Amino acid sequence: MSQLLNDLRALDALFAPGASRWTQGRFARDERGEPVSALSEKAVCWCLDGGARKVANGALSDRYSRLCDALTVATPRGASDYVLWQDQPGRKFHQVKALIARAIADEEGRVGQ
């Protein structure tokens, strides 16, 4: 299994409890809805990019870069990038989960899982 596949599955698990674990417009929020760092112990929900930062333990790693690349490839056509796509008004949690599922499926196909 690849590190990327592990990280994508960890990202999926981060959001598994449901829509309450997802936010828009900020990397992460605390239980009061206030913005916090994606790596903060107070964070209770994350945007897609904030979740990637949490899984990769920051934005300055190859793991984070590979997660970003995988999410970008899985982003629906016509969207400039996954960050702007997920922050669009009206975006639904199930659509974000579907994007993660596409990224996982792509990586599973690449590594033969």
Protein backbone atom coordinates (compact mmCIF):
# COMPACT_ATOMS: atom_id res chain seq x y z
CA MET A 1 0.00 0.00 0.00
CA SER A 2 1.28 3.48 -0.79
CA GLN A 3 1.72 6.32 1.68
CA LEU A 4 -0.62 8.38 -0.50
CA LEU A 5 -3.34 5.73 -0.28
CA ASN A 6 -2.93 5.61 3.49
CA ASP A 7 -3.17 9.41 3.65
CA LEU A 8 -6.26 9.55 1.42
CA ARG A 9 -7.94 6.94 3.58
CA ALA A 10 -6.99 8.92 6.69
CA LEU A 11 -8.51 12.04 5.11
CA ASP A 12 -11.68 10.10 4.38
CA ALA A 13 -11.76 8.83 7.99
CA LEU A 14 -11.29 12.37 9.31
CA PHE A 15 -14.60 13.31 7.69
CA ALA A 16 -16.30 9.95 8.34
CA PRO A 17 -18.34 11.08 11.36
CA GLY A 18 -20.35 13.31 9.05
CA ALA A 19 -20.90 16.85 7.82
CA SER A 20 -20.17 18.32 11.24
CA ARG A 21 -16.48 17.53 10.60
CA TRP A 22 -16.39 19.68 7.42
CA THR A 23 -16.21 23.45 7.02
CA GLN A 24 -15.76 25.99 4.26
CA GLY A 25 -13.77 29.19 4.03
CA ARG A 26 -11.21 28.33 6.72
CA PHE A 27 -8.70 25.52 7.17
CA ALA A 28 -10.32 24.50 10.45
CA ARG A 29 -12.70 25.67 13.17
CA ASP A 30 -13.08 25.00 16.87
CA GLU A 31 -16.29 23.87 18.57
CA ARG A 32 -17.53 27.49 18.69
CA GLY A 33 -17.00 27.87 14.94
CA GLU A 34 -13.98 30.13 15.34
CA PRO A 35 -11.10 29.71 12.86
CA VAL A 36 -8.08 27.76 14.15
CA SER A 37 -5.03 26.14 12.60
CA ALA A 38 -5.62 22.84 10.84
CA LEU A 39 -3.14 21.32 13.28
CA SER A 40 -4.71 22.84 16.39
CA GLU A 41 -5.85 20.47 19.12
CA LYS A 42 -8.97 22.66 19.31
CA ALA A 43 -9.95 21.93 15.70
CA VAL A 44 -13.16 19.92 15.36
CA CYS A 45 -13.85 20.44 11.65
CA TRP A 46 -11.72 21.06 8.57
CA CYS A 47 -12.05 22.12 4.97
CA LEU A 48 -10.66 19.70 2.41
CA ASP A 49 -7.28 21.44 2.34
CA GLY A 50 -7.20 21.80 6.12
CA GLY A 51 -7.88 18.09 6.40
CA ALA A 52 -5.00 17.38 4.04
CA ARG A 53 -2.75 19.56 6.19
CA LYS A 54 -3.82 17.68 9.32
CA VAL A 55 -3.27 14.26 7.76
CA ALA A 56 0.15 15.26 6.38
CA ASN A 57 1.07 17.05 9.63
CA GLY A 58 1.49 20.38 7.88
CA ALA A 59 1.72 21.96 4.44
CA LEU A 60 5.49 21.77 4.02
CA SER A 61 5.87 18.11 3.18
CA ASP A 62 5.92 15.80 0.18
CA ARG A 63 2.95 13.97 1.71
CA TYR A 64 0.88 17.16 1.64
CA SER A 65 1.97 17.88 -1.94
CA ARG A 66 0.99 14.39 -3.06
CA LEU A 67 -2.39 14.69 -1.32
CA CYS A 68 -3.00 18.01 -3.07
CA ASP A 69 -2.08 16.52 -6.43
CA ALA A 70 -4.42 13.55 -5.91
CA LEU A 71 -7.30 15.80 -4.85
CA THR A 72 -6.69 18.10 -7.81
CA VAL A 73 -6.85 15.17 -10.26
CA ALA A 74 -10.11 14.00 -8.65
CA THR A 75 -11.70 17.47 -8.80
CA PRO A 76 -14.58 17.69 -11.31
CA ARG A 77 -13.77 19.12 -14.72
CA GLY A 78 -14.22 22.82 -15.06
CA ALA A 79 -13.12 23.59 -11.51
CA SER A 80 -9.84 25.47 -11.25
CA ASP A 81 -8.77 23.62 -8.11
CA TYR A 82 -10.23 21.60 -5.26
CA VAL A 83 -9.92 24.41 -2.71
CA LEU A 84 -12.08 26.83 -4.70
CA TRP A 85 -14.39 23.98 -5.71
CA GLN A 86 -15.08 22.94 -2.11
CA ASP A 87 -15.57 26.54 -0.98
CA GLN A 88 -18.25 27.32 -3.57
CA PRO A 89 -21.56 28.37 -1.99
CA GLY A 90 -24.01 25.50 -2.15
CA ARG A 91 -21.31 22.82 -2.09
CA LYS A 92 -22.56 19.79 -0.17
CA PHE A 93 -20.66 17.47 2.15
CA HIS A 94 -21.54 14.38 0.11
CA GLN A 95 -19.85 16.00 -2.90
CA VAL A 96 -16.65 16.49 -0.90
CA LYS A 97 -16.78 12.87 0.28
CA ALA A 98 -17.28 11.77 -3.33
CA LEU A 99 -14.19 13.72 -4.42
CA ILE A 100 -12.15 11.94 -1.72
CA ALA A 101 -13.61 8.59 -2.85
CA ARG A 102 -12.53 9.33 -6.46
CA ALA A 103 -9.01 10.15 -5.30
CA ILE A 104 -8.89 6.89 -3.31
CA ALA A 105 -10.17 4.88 -6.26
CA ASP A 106 -7.60 6.50 -8.57
CA GLU A 107 -4.77 5.64 -6.20
CA GLU A 108 -6.06 2.10 -5.64
CA GLY A 109 -6.04 1.63 -9.41
CA ARG A 110 -2.53 3.01 -9.65
CA VAL A 111 -1.10 0.70 -6.98
CA GLY A 112 -3.22 -2.30 -7.98
CA GLN A 113 -5.37 -2.56 -4.87
